[in-house]
Amino acid sequence: MLAGGRGGRGDQAFRLLALLAGLVVLAILALIAWSTTKEAWPAFRAEGISFITKNDWVPNDGKFGALGFIYGTVLASVIALILAVPISVGIALFVNEAAPRFIRRPVVTVLDLLAAVPSVVYGLWGVLVFAPVATGFYQNIADATAGVPVVGTIFGGPASGRSFMTAGIILALMITPIVTSLSREVIATVPDAQREAAYGMGATRWEMIRHAVLPWSRGGITGAVMLGLGRAMGETIAVALVIGSAANQITPHVFFPGDAMAAVIANQFGEASGTHRSALIGLGVVLFAITILVNVAARSIVGRFDRRTQGA
């Protein structure tokens, strides 16, 4: 009875500590949102809703429209996901389901090393090595697709090595280790009984992966992808170095230079003052809100997949 009483008090203490930890996290997020919004309020008051609906960022004239930066952030992040997700999931499946043991460990080690590389190193490599080489390659693609409906709109036009595409490629390199590691951990949780049942019914390895592994782990993989998206949207230095820093650029041409919210904050904050400084902080508030929305959407998607899995 004494032991039971101690155990009950221990459980209550643990629940209290867990509740306090959760409340502390929520309080920190609320303080971040309140303090940054307070600092950005002069710009929000001056521009109103046009702060996120207009595309005229001219600090000297007191005009602050962030739509072009929002567009650049989303476009570069989407390019990164398109390039990184198939590679990341493929590597995770290869390491867990097909790779021999003597190959598995070196691959995991290389991924861990890539995740530890500072973002500025990726940015410097992108602007000094990749961008000059990519310019000619981009231009060849633009010339080959000129006049082709839809495709020409995306890849046509004069090409620049410092562009949305280069930023997306660098971001893809940066988020691939994250998405791969998380996907690999999720796939490793698939019960062996699932695999054995598929093999017992005569499935090939691909059929086993398709019908047993992926349905079980798709919720976790989706969460890993959303986490990679959040990392891509918030990346600063690497994107600032390779995206081209061309303000007010809203175009479907992925080989054109542009700008992103985090990048413009890093480039202009040191010289900003007054309403300009408030507008840059406002960009941070908008980026913070978008990141929260991405995480809420990720939780919703993962929860829906989990409910479907439990129902099945």
C-alpha atoms as a PDB file:
ATOM      1  CA  MET A   1       0.000   0.000   0.000  1.00  0.00           C
ATOM      2  CA  LEU A   2       2.883   2.298   0.864  1.00  0.00           C
ATOM      3  CA  ALA A   3       4.567   1.470  -2.404  1.00  0.00           C
ATOM      4  CA  GLY A   4       1.324   2.090  -4.238  1.00  0.00           C
ATOM      5  CA  GLY A   5       0.974   5.457  -2.546  1.00  0.00           C
ATOM      6  CA  ARG A   6       4.492   6.416  -3.507  1.00  0.00           C
ATOM      7  CA  GLY A   7       3.830   5.269  -7.057  1.00  0.00           C
ATOM      8  CA  GLY A   8       0.648   7.347  -7.198  1.00  0.00           C
ATOM      9  CA  ARG A   9       2.443  10.449  -5.969  1.00  0.00           C
ATOM     10  CA  GLY A  10       5.250   9.800  -8.447  1.00  0.00           C
ATOM     11  CA  ASP A  11       2.753   9.558 -11.318  1.00  0.00           C
ATOM     12  CA  GLN A  12       1.068  12.771 -10.243  1.00  0.00           C
ATOM     13  CA  ALA A  13       4.418  14.547 -10.008  1.00  0.00           C
ATOM     14  CA  PHE A  14       5.402  13.292 -13.452  1.00  0.00           C
ATOM     15  CA  ARG A  15       2.116  14.444 -14.970  1.00  0.00           C
ATOM     16  CA  LEU A  16       2.557  17.842 -13.334  1.00  0.00           C
ATOM     17  CA  LEU A  17       6.107  18.210 -14.647  1.00  0.00           C
ATOM     18  CA  ALA A  18       5.025  17.150 -18.132  1.00  0.00           C
ATOM     19  CA  LEU A  19       2.165  19.662 -18.037  1.00  0.00           C
ATOM     20  CA  LEU A  20       4.495  22.434 -16.893  1.00  0.00           C
ATOM     21  CA  ALA A  21       6.982  21.596 -19.648  1.00  0.00           C
ATOM     22  CA  GLY A  22       4.235  21.804 -22.256  1.00  0.00           C
ATOM     23  CA  LEU A  23       2.977  25.091 -20.850  1.00  0.00           C
ATOM     24  CA  VAL A  24       6.508  26.521 -20.870  1.00  0.00           C
ATOM     25  CA  VAL A  25       6.844  25.705 -24.581  1.00  0.00           C
ATOM     26  CA  LEU A  26       3.485  27.336 -25.328  1.00  0.00           C
ATOM     27  CA  ALA A  27       4.429  30.362 -23.222  1.00  0.00           C
ATOM     28  CA  ILE A  28       7.708  30.779 -25.107  1.00  0.00           C
ATOM     29  CA  LEU A  29       5.921  30.600 -28.455  1.00  0.00           C
ATOM     30  CA  ALA A  30       3.344  33.122 -27.262  1.00  0.00           C
ATOM     31  CA  LEU A  31       6.065  35.491 -26.034  1.00  0.00           C
ATOM     32  CA  ILE A  32       7.924  35.223 -29.348  1.00  0.00           C
ATOM     33  CA  ALA A  33       4.740  35.959 -31.271  1.00  0.00           C
ATOM     34  CA  TRP A  34       3.775  38.860 -28.991  1.00  0.00           C
ATOM     35  CA  SER A  35       7.199  40.536 -28.874  1.00  0.00           C
ATOM     36  CA  THR A  36       7.878  40.280 -32.614  1.00  0.00           C
ATOM     37  CA  THR A  37       4.368  41.417 -33.505  1.00  0.00           C
ATOM     38  CA  LYS A  38       4.764  44.395 -31.165  1.00  0.00           C
ATOM     39  CA  GLU A  39       8.029  45.384 -32.875  1.00  0.00           C
ATOM     40  CA  ALA A  40       6.494  44.904 -36.333  1.00  0.00           C
ATOM     41  CA  TRP A  41       3.266  46.744 -35.542  1.00  0.00           C
ATOM     42  CA  PRO A  42       4.326  50.118 -37.050  1.00  0.00           C
ATOM     43  CA  ALA A  43       4.773  48.440 -40.440  1.00  0.00           C
ATOM     44  CA  PHE A  44       1.547  46.452 -40.094  1.00  0.00           C
ATOM     45  CA  ARG A  45      -0.336  49.620 -39.136  1.00  0.00           C
ATOM     46  CA  ALA A  46       1.122  51.574 -42.049  1.00  0.00           C
ATOM     47  CA  GLU A  47       0.585  48.917 -44.721  1.00  0.00           C
ATOM     48  CA  GLY A  48      -2.391  46.939 -43.427  1.00  0.00           C
ATOM     49  CA  ILE A  49      -3.265  43.791 -45.319  1.00  0.00           C
ATOM     50  CA  SER A  50      -1.266  45.087 -48.295  1.00  0.00           C
ATOM     51  CA  PHE A  51       1.861  44.075 -46.379  1.00  0.00           C
ATOM     52  CA  ILE A  52       1.271  40.488 -47.585  1.00  0.00           C
ATOM     53  CA  THR A  53      -0.752  41.208 -50.729  1.00  0.00           C
ATOM     54  CA  LYS A  54       1.450  43.771 -52.501  1.00  0.00           C
ATOM     55  CA  ASN A  55       4.779  43.296 -54.216  1.00  0.00           C
ATOM     56  CA  ASP A  56       6.447  46.684 -53.888  1.00  0.00           C
ATOM     57  CA  TRP A  57       9.335  46.619 -51.397  1.00  0.00           C
ATOM     58  CA  VAL A  58      10.915  50.079 -51.704  1.00  0.00           C
ATOM     59  CA  PRO A  59      12.275  51.168 -48.293  1.00  0.00           C
ATOM     60  CA  ASN A  60      13.382  54.588 -49.571  1.00  0.00           C
ATOM     61  CA  ASP A  61       9.782  55.371 -50.555  1.00  0.00           C
ATOM     62  CA  GLY A  62       8.276  53.792 -47.443  1.00  0.00           C
ATOM     63  CA  LYS A  63       6.647  50.941 -49.396  1.00  0.00           C
ATOM     64  CA  PHE A  64       6.757  47.480 -47.883  1.00  0.00           C
ATOM     65  CA  GLY A  65       4.975  44.716 -49.751  1.00  0.00           C
ATOM     66  CA  ALA A  66       6.192  41.242 -48.840  1.00  0.00           C
ATOM     67  CA  LEU A  67       4.363  39.142 -51.433  1.00  0.00           C
ATOM     68  CA  GLY A  68       7.475  38.646 -53.599  1.00  0.00           C
ATOM     69  CA  PHE A  69       9.488  37.386 -50.632  1.00  0.00           C
ATOM     70  CA  ILE A  70       6.690  35.045 -49.565  1.00  0.00           C
ATOM     71  CA  TYR A  71       6.530  33.719 -53.107  1.00  0.00           C
ATOM     72  CA  GLY A  72      10.300  33.187 -53.273  1.00  0.00           C
ATOM     73  CA  THR A  73      10.311  31.360 -49.940  1.00  0.00           C
ATOM     74  CA  VAL A  74       7.511  29.019 -50.980  1.00  0.00           C
ATOM     75  CA  LEU A  75       8.896  28.404 -54.483  1.00  0.00           C
ATOM     76  CA  ALA A  76      12.416  27.536 -53.322  1.00  0.00           C
ATOM     77  CA  SER A  77      11.011  25.277 -50.596  1.00  0.00           C
ATOM     78  CA  VAL A  78       8.701  23.471 -53.023  1.00  0.00           C
ATOM     79  CA  ILE A  79      11.591  22.893 -55.432  1.00  0.00           C
ATOM     80  CA  ALA A  80      13.620  21.498 -52.531  1.00  0.00           C
ATOM     81  CA  LEU A  81      10.821  19.085 -51.591  1.00  0.00           C
ATOM     82  CA  ILE A  82      10.328  17.915 -55.174  1.00  0.00           C
ATOM     83  CA  LEU A  83      14.024  17.092 -55.430  1.00  0.00           C
ATOM     84  CA  ALA A  84      14.697  15.832 -51.898  1.00  0.00           C
ATOM     85  CA  VAL A  85      11.666  13.720 -50.955  1.00  0.00           C
ATOM     86  CA  PRO A  86      11.974  10.948 -53.595  1.00  0.00           C
ATOM     87  CA  ILE A  87      15.722  10.688 -52.960  1.00  0.00           C
ATOM     88  CA  SER A  88      15.299  10.704 -49.182  1.00  0.00           C
ATOM     89  CA  VAL A  89      12.569   8.062 -49.114  1.00  0.00           C
ATOM     90  CA  GLY A  90      14.504   5.966 -51.629  1.00  0.00           C
ATOM     91  CA  ILE A  91      17.657   6.077 -49.501  1.00  0.00           C
ATOM     92  CA  ALA A  92      15.657   5.231 -46.368  1.00  0.00           C
ATOM     93  CA  LEU A  93      14.031   2.234 -48.063  1.00  0.00           C
ATOM     94  CA  PHE A  94      17.365   1.086 -49.487  1.00  0.00           C
ATOM     95  CA  VAL A  95      19.120   1.289 -46.121  1.00  0.00           C
ATOM     96  CA  ASN A  96      16.324  -0.490 -44.239  1.00  0.00           C
ATOM     97  CA  GLU A  97      15.098  -3.025 -46.780  1.00  0.00           C
ATOM     98  CA  ALA A  98      17.783  -3.791 -49.343  1.00  0.00           C
ATOM     99  CA  ALA A  99      21.280  -2.661 -48.371  1.00  0.00           C
ATOM    100  CA  PRO A 100      23.803  -5.235 -47.108  1.00  0.00           C
ATOM    101  CA  ARG A 101      25.113  -4.595 -43.625  1.00  0.00           C
ATOM    102  CA  PHE A 102      28.578  -3.504 -44.829  1.00  0.00           C
ATOM    103  CA  ILE A 103      26.966  -0.761 -46.984  1.00  0.00           C
ATOM    104  CA  ARG A 104      24.317   0.313 -44.505  1.00  0.00           C
ATOM    105  CA  ARG A 105      26.678   1.746 -41.901  1.00  0.00           C
ATOM    106  CA  PRO A 106      28.744   3.934 -44.297  1.00  0.00           C
ATOM    107  CA  VAL A 107      25.557   5.345 -45.842  1.00  0.00           C
ATOM    108  CA  VAL A 108      24.154   6.246 -42.425  1.00  0.00           C
ATOM    109  CA  THR A 109      27.484   7.795 -41.422  1.00  0.00           C
ATOM    110  CA  VAL A 110      27.609   9.962 -44.559  1.00  0.00           C
ATOM    111  CA  LEU A 111      24.037  11.148 -43.938  1.00  0.00           C
ATOM    112  CA  ASP A 112      24.893  12.092 -40.373  1.00  0.00           C
ATOM    113  CA  LEU A 113      27.927  14.033 -41.601  1.00  0.00           C
ATOM    114  CA  LEU A 114      25.857  15.883 -44.193  1.00  0.00           C
ATOM    115  CA  ALA A 115      23.355  16.871 -41.505  1.00  0.00           C
ATOM    116  CA  ALA A 116      26.205  18.321 -39.416  1.00  0.00           C
ATOM    117  CA  VAL A 117      27.606  20.565 -42.180  1.00  0.00           C
ATOM    118  CA  PRO A 118      26.877  24.261 -41.384  1.00  0.00           C
ATOM    119  CA  SER A 119      24.445  25.956 -43.724  1.00  0.00           C
ATOM    120  CA  VAL A 120      26.974  28.661 -44.641  1.00  0.00           C
ATOM    121  CA  VAL A 121      29.223  25.961 -46.118  1.00  0.00           C
ATOM    122  CA  TYR A 122      26.398  24.829 -48.393  1.00  0.00           C
ATOM    123  CA  GLY A 123      25.790  28.440 -49.363  1.00  0.00           C
ATOM    124  CA  LEU A 124      29.424  29.167 -50.152  1.00  0.00           C
ATOM    125  CA  TRP A 125      29.710  25.988 -52.204  1.00  0.00           C
ATOM    126  CA  GLY A 126      26.547  26.931 -54.037  1.00  0.00           C
ATOM    127  CA  VAL A 127      27.593  30.480 -54.917  1.00  0.00           C
ATOM    128  CA  LEU A 128      31.291  29.791 -55.633  1.00  0.00           C
ATOM    129  CA  VAL A 129      31.201  26.348 -57.260  1.00  0.00           C
ATOM    130  CA  PHE A 130      27.705  25.289 -58.286  1.00  0.00           C
ATOM    131  CA  ALA A 131      26.163  28.545 -59.535  1.00  0.00           C
ATOM    132  CA  PRO A 132      28.841  29.335 -62.185  1.00  0.00           C
ATOM    133  CA  VAL A 133      28.624  25.796 -63.559  1.00  0.00           C
ATOM    134  CA  ALA A 134      24.835  25.724 -63.419  1.00  0.00           C
ATOM    135  CA  THR A 135      24.405  28.894 -65.472  1.00  0.00           C
ATOM    136  CA  GLY A 136      25.284  27.217 -68.766  1.00  0.00           C
ATOM    137  CA  PHE A 137      23.276  24.115 -67.903  1.00  0.00           C
ATOM    138  CA  TYR A 138      20.221  26.200 -67.044  1.00  0.00           C
ATOM    139  CA  GLN A 139      20.565  28.171 -70.265  1.00  0.00           C
ATOM    140  CA  ASN A 140      20.687  24.969 -72.331  1.00  0.00           C
ATOM    141  CA  ILE A 141      17.462  23.799 -70.693  1.00  0.00           C
ATOM    142  CA  ALA A 142      15.866  27.212 -71.253  1.00  0.00           C
ATOM    143  CA  ASP A 143      16.829  27.173 -74.945  1.00  0.00           C
ATOM    144  CA  ALA A 144      15.564  23.614 -75.402  1.00  0.00           C
ATOM    145  CA  THR A 145      12.183  24.325 -73.773  1.00  0.00           C
ATOM    146  CA  ALA A 146      11.579  27.760 -75.297  1.00  0.00           C
ATOM    147  CA  GLY A 147       8.174  27.863 -76.922  1.00  0.00           C
ATOM    148  CA  VAL A 148       6.966  24.637 -75.314  1.00  0.00           C
ATOM    149  CA  PRO A 149       3.634  25.234 -73.562  1.00  0.00           C
ATOM    150  CA  VAL A 150       3.784  25.206 -69.734  1.00  0.00           C
ATOM    151  CA  VAL A 151       7.311  23.753 -69.681  1.00  0.00           C
ATOM    152  CA  GLY A 152       8.698  26.805 -71.453  1.00  0.00           C
ATOM    153  CA  THR A 153       6.923  29.032 -68.948  1.00  0.00           C
ATOM    154  CA  ILE A 154       8.708  27.289 -66.084  1.00  0.00           C
ATOM    155  CA  PHE A 155      12.171  26.723 -67.567  1.00  0.00           C
ATOM    156  CA  GLY A 156      12.348  29.260 -70.388  1.00  0.00           C
ATOM    157  CA  GLY A 157      13.839  32.725 -70.483  1.00  0.00           C
ATOM    158  CA  PRO A 158      17.358  33.942 -69.710  1.00  0.00           C
ATOM    159  CA  ALA A 159      18.928  31.832 -66.974  1.00  0.00           C
ATOM    160  CA  SER A 160      20.967  32.849 -63.960  1.00  0.00           C
ATOM    161  CA  GLY A 161      23.123  30.647 -61.777  1.00  0.00           C
ATOM    162  CA  ARG A 162      21.869  32.481 -58.694  1.00  0.00           C
ATOM    163  CA  SER A 163      18.176  31.727 -58.957  1.00  0.00           C
ATOM    164  CA  PHE A 164      15.148  30.035 -57.417  1.00  0.00           C
ATOM    165  CA  MET A 165      16.332  26.706 -58.825  1.00  0.00           C
ATOM    166  CA  THR A 166      19.803  26.960 -57.311  1.00  0.00           C
ATOM    167  CA  ALA A 167      18.287  27.900 -53.950  1.00  0.00           C
ATOM    168  CA  GLY A 168      15.960  24.893 -54.205  1.00  0.00           C
ATOM    169  CA  ILE A 169      18.838  22.548 -55.047  1.00  0.00           C
ATOM    170  CA  ILE A 170      20.934  23.771 -52.119  1.00  0.00           C
ATOM    171  CA  LEU A 171      17.955  23.448 -49.791  1.00  0.00           C
ATOM    172  CA  ALA A 172      17.336  19.930 -51.125  1.00  0.00           C
ATOM    173  CA  LEU A 173      20.905  18.981 -50.210  1.00  0.00           C
ATOM    174  CA  MET A 174      20.371  20.400 -46.733  1.00  0.00           C
ATOM    175  CA  ILE A 175      17.053  18.716 -45.931  1.00  0.00           C
ATOM    176  CA  THR A 176      17.810  15.331 -47.507  1.00  0.00           C
ATOM    177  CA  PRO A 177      19.747  14.050 -44.445  1.00  0.00           C
ATOM    178  CA  ILE A 178      16.933  15.171 -42.125  1.00  0.00           C
ATOM    179  CA  VAL A 179      14.095  13.620 -44.120  1.00  0.00           C
ATOM    180  CA  THR A 180      16.143  10.468 -44.748  1.00  0.00           C
ATOM    181  CA  SER A 181      17.065   9.934 -41.099  1.00  0.00           C
ATOM    182  CA  LEU A 182      13.520  10.439 -39.844  1.00  0.00           C
ATOM    183  CA  SER A 183      12.041   8.270 -42.604  1.00  0.00           C
ATOM    184  CA  ARG A 184      14.574   5.545 -41.858  1.00  0.00           C
ATOM    185  CA  GLU A 185      13.603   5.530 -38.180  1.00  0.00           C
ATOM    186  CA  VAL A 186       9.916   5.340 -39.069  1.00  0.00           C
ATOM    187  CA  ILE A 187      10.410   2.520 -41.554  1.00  0.00           C
ATOM    188  CA  ALA A 188      12.429   0.610 -38.955  1.00  0.00           C
ATOM    189  CA  THR A 189       9.329   0.499 -36.717  1.00  0.00           C
ATOM    190  CA  VAL A 190       7.355  -1.575 -39.227  1.00  0.00           C
ATOM    191  CA  PRO A 191       6.731  -4.971 -37.529  1.00  0.00           C
ATOM    192  CA  ASP A 192       8.565  -7.915 -39.064  1.00  0.00           C
ATOM    193  CA  ALA A 193       5.238  -9.748 -39.089  1.00  0.00           C
ATOM    194  CA  GLN A 194       4.032  -7.307 -41.734  1.00  0.00           C
ATOM    195  CA  ARG A 195       6.934  -8.173 -44.007  1.00  0.00           C
ATOM    196  CA  GLU A 196       6.709 -11.899 -43.360  1.00  0.00           C
ATOM    197  CA  ALA A 197       2.988 -11.914 -44.060  1.00  0.00           C
ATOM    198  CA  ALA A 198       3.567 -10.189 -47.408  1.00  0.00           C
ATOM    199  CA  TYR A 199       6.325 -12.629 -48.357  1.00  0.00           C
ATOM    200  CA  GLY A 200       4.136 -15.524 -47.226  1.00  0.00           C
ATOM    201  CA  MET A 201       1.480 -14.441 -49.723  1.00  0.00           C
ATOM    202  CA  GLY A 202       4.037 -14.561 -52.533  1.00  0.00           C
ATOM    203  CA  ALA A 203       4.844 -10.847 -52.741  1.00  0.00           C
ATOM    204  CA  THR A 204       8.071  -9.632 -54.268  1.00  0.00           C
ATOM    205  CA  ARG A 205      10.282  -7.239 -52.341  1.00  0.00           C
ATOM    206  CA  TRP A 206       8.783  -4.235 -54.115  1.00  0.00           C
ATOM    207  CA  GLU A 207       5.247  -5.498 -53.487  1.00  0.00           C
ATOM    208  CA  MET A 208       6.123  -6.039 -49.826  1.00  0.00           C
ATOM    209  CA  ILE A 209       7.432  -2.468 -49.575  1.00  0.00           C
ATOM    210  CA  ARG A 210       4.450  -1.051 -51.425  1.00  0.00           C
ATOM    211  CA  HIS A 211       1.709  -2.907 -49.548  1.00  0.00           C
ATOM    212  CA  ALA A 212       3.256  -3.515 -46.117  1.00  0.00           C
ATOM    213  CA  VAL A 213       6.001  -0.985 -45.378  1.00  0.00           C
ATOM    214  CA  LEU A 214       4.778   2.242 -46.966  1.00  0.00           C
ATOM    215  CA  PRO A 215       1.158   2.113 -45.690  1.00  0.00           C
ATOM    216  CA  TRP A 216       2.441   1.542 -42.154  1.00  0.00           C
ATOM    217  CA  SER A 217       5.032   4.332 -42.238  1.00  0.00           C
ATOM    218  CA  ARG A 218       3.449   6.951 -44.509  1.00  0.00           C
ATOM    219  CA  GLY A 219       2.256   9.059 -41.581  1.00  0.00           C
ATOM    220  CA  GLY A 220       5.757   9.289 -40.133  1.00  0.00           C
ATOM    221  CA  ILE A 221       7.258   9.943 -43.564  1.00  0.00           C
ATOM    222  CA  THR A 222       4.766  12.760 -44.065  1.00  0.00           C
ATOM    223  CA  GLY A 223       5.834  14.238 -40.744  1.00  0.00           C
ATOM    224  CA  ALA A 224       9.477  13.999 -41.797  1.00  0.00           C
ATOM    225  CA  VAL A 225       8.701  15.775 -45.070  1.00  0.00           C
ATOM    226  CA  MET A 226       6.860  18.561 -43.250  1.00  0.00           C
ATOM    227  CA  LEU A 227       9.778  18.971 -40.855  1.00  0.00           C
ATOM    228  CA  GLY A 228      12.096  19.262 -43.851  1.00  0.00           C
ATOM    229  CA  LEU A 229       9.746  21.847 -45.357  1.00  0.00           C
ATOM    230  CA  GLY A 230       9.911  23.893 -42.167  1.00  0.00           C
ATOM    231  CA  ARG A 231      13.713  23.747 -42.248  1.00  0.00           C
ATOM    232  CA  ALA A 232      13.775  24.801 -45.893  1.00  0.00           C
ATOM    233  CA  MET A 233      11.432  27.754 -45.346  1.00  0.00           C
ATOM    234  CA  GLY A 234      13.448  29.061 -42.410  1.00  0.00           C
ATOM    235  CA  GLU A 235      16.928  28.676 -43.907  1.00  0.00           C
ATOM    236  CA  THR A 236      18.723  32.021 -44.136  1.00  0.00           C
ATOM    237  CA  ILE A 237      22.406  32.236 -45.019  1.00  0.00           C
ATOM    238  CA  ALA A 238      22.562  29.561 -47.712  1.00  0.00           C
ATOM    239  CA  VAL A 239      19.503  30.959 -49.493  1.00  0.00           C
ATOM    240  CA  ALA A 240      20.731  34.544 -49.176  1.00  0.00           C
ATOM    241  CA  LEU A 241      23.945  33.581 -50.983  1.00  0.00           C
ATOM    242  CA  VAL A 242      22.435  31.701 -53.931  1.00  0.00           C
ATOM    243  CA  ILE A 243      18.926  33.023 -54.634  1.00  0.00           C
ATOM    244  CA  GLY A 244      20.086  36.224 -56.346  1.00  0.00           C
ATOM    245  CA  SER A 245      18.518  38.855 -54.027  1.00  0.00           C
ATOM    246  CA  ALA A 246      16.217  40.238 -56.741  1.00  0.00           C
ATOM    247  CA  ALA A 247      13.320  41.920 -54.927  1.00  0.00           C
ATOM    248  CA  ASN A 248       9.759  42.052 -56.264  1.00  0.00           C
ATOM    249  CA  GLN A 249      10.336  39.025 -58.476  1.00  0.00           C
ATOM    250  CA  ILE A 250       7.168  36.966 -58.902  1.00  0.00           C
ATOM    251  CA  THR A 251       7.629  34.769 -61.933  1.00  0.00           C
ATOM    252  CA  PRO A 252       7.076  31.122 -62.850  1.00  0.00           C
ATOM    253  CA  HIS A 253      10.577  30.980 -64.369  1.00  0.00           C
ATOM    254  CA  VAL A 254      12.628  28.984 -61.882  1.00  0.00           C
ATOM    255  CA  PHE A 255      15.935  30.036 -63.476  1.00  0.00           C
ATOM    256  CA  PHE A 256      15.333  33.709 -62.617  1.00  0.00           C
ATOM    257  CA  PRO A 257      16.837  35.354 -59.510  1.00  0.00           C
ATOM    258  CA  GLY A 258      14.540  36.207 -56.624  1.00  0.00           C
ATOM    259  CA  ASP A 259      14.523  36.628 -52.866  1.00  0.00           C
ATOM    260  CA  ALA A 260      13.099  34.998 -49.737  1.00  0.00           C
ATOM    261  CA  MET A 261      11.871  36.276 -46.393  1.00  0.00           C
ATOM    262  CA  ALA A 262      14.717  34.969 -44.254  1.00  0.00           C
ATOM    263  CA  ALA A 263      17.297  36.056 -46.817  1.00  0.00           C
ATOM    264  CA  VAL A 264      16.071  39.644 -47.072  1.00  0.00           C
ATOM    265  CA  ILE A 265      15.998  39.938 -43.283  1.00  0.00           C
ATOM    266  CA  ALA A 266      19.646  38.858 -43.115  1.00  0.00           C
ATOM    267  CA  ASN A 267      20.682  41.169 -45.954  1.00  0.00           C
ATOM    268  CA  GLN A 268      18.896  44.345 -44.865  1.00  0.00           C
ATOM    269  CA  PHE A 269      18.476  44.225 -41.102  1.00  0.00           C
ATOM    270  CA  GLY A 270      21.900  45.668 -40.278  1.00  0.00           C
ATOM    271  CA  GLU A 271      21.173  48.917 -42.139  1.00  0.00           C
ATOM    272  CA  ALA A 272      17.465  49.188 -41.351  1.00  0.00           C
ATOM    273  CA  SER A 273      15.793  51.626 -38.982  1.00  0.00           C
ATOM    274  CA  GLY A 274      12.323  52.928 -38.224  1.00  0.00           C
ATOM    275  CA  THR A 275       9.507  51.492 -40.308  1.00  0.00           C
ATOM    276  CA  HIS A 276      11.978  49.583 -42.470  1.00  0.00           C
ATOM    277  CA  ARG A 277      13.207  47.707 -39.408  1.00  0.00           C
ATOM    278  CA  SER A 278       9.616  47.048 -38.328  1.00  0.00           C
ATOM    279  CA  ALA A 279       8.810  45.706 -41.799  1.00  0.00           C
ATOM    280  CA  LEU A 280      11.736  43.272 -41.638  1.00  0.00           C
ATOM    281  CA  ILE A 281      10.539  42.060 -38.253  1.00  0.00           C
ATOM    282  CA  GLY A 282       7.107  41.766 -39.832  1.00  0.00           C
ATOM    283  CA  LEU A 283       8.598  39.403 -42.391  1.00  0.00           C
ATOM    284  CA  GLY A 284       9.802  37.312 -39.457  1.00  0.00           C
ATOM    285  CA  VAL A 285       6.273  37.306 -38.016  1.00  0.00           C
ATOM    286  CA  VAL A 286       4.822  36.164 -41.337  1.00  0.00           C
ATOM    287  CA  LEU A 287       7.460  33.436 -41.633  1.00  0.00           C
ATOM    288  CA  PHE A 288       6.732  32.358 -38.058  1.00  0.00           C
ATOM    289  CA  ALA A 289       3.005  32.146 -38.820  1.00  0.00           C
ATOM    290  CA  ILE A 290       3.595  30.148 -42.006  1.00  0.00           C
ATOM    291  CA  THR A 291       5.851  27.736 -40.114  1.00  0.00           C
ATOM    292  CA  ILE A 292       3.181  27.234 -37.445  1.00  0.00           C
ATOM    293  CA  LEU A 293       0.579  26.560 -40.136  1.00  0.00           C
ATOM    294  CA  VAL A 294       2.891  24.023 -41.791  1.00  0.00           C
ATOM    295  CA  ASN A 295       3.391  22.185 -38.503  1.00  0.00           C
ATOM    296  CA  VAL A 296      -0.343  22.190 -37.714  1.00  0.00           C
ATOM    297  CA  ALA A 297      -1.050  20.816 -41.191  1.00  0.00           C
ATOM    298  CA  ALA A 298       1.610  18.153 -40.656  1.00  0.00           C
ATOM    299  CA  ARG A 299       0.040  17.083 -37.360  1.00  0.00           C
ATOM    300  CA  SER A 300      -3.370  16.899 -39.022  1.00  0.00           C
ATOM    301  CA  ILE A 301      -2.074  14.804 -41.917  1.00  0.00           C
ATOM    302  CA  VAL A 302      -0.120  12.442 -39.642  1.00  0.00           C
ATOM    303  CA  GLY A 303      -3.136  12.045 -37.361  1.00  0.00           C
ATOM    304  CA  ARG A 304      -5.364  11.214 -40.337  1.00  0.00           C
ATOM    305  CA  PHE A 305      -2.915   8.578 -41.543  1.00  0.00           C
ATOM    306  CA  ASP A 306      -2.680   7.110 -38.035  1.00  0.00           C
ATOM    307  CA  ARG A 307      -6.463   6.832 -37.774  1.00  0.00           C
ATOM    308  CA  ARG A 308      -6.641   5.112 -41.144  1.00  0.00           C
ATOM    309  CA  THR A 309      -3.914   2.691 -40.120  1.00  0.00           C
ATOM    310  CA  GLN A 310      -5.640   1.864 -36.852  1.00  0.00           C
ATOM    311  CA  GLY A 311      -8.932   1.393 -38.677  1.00  0.00           C
ATOM    312  CA  ALA A 312      -7.308  -0.959 -41.166  1.00  0.00           C
END
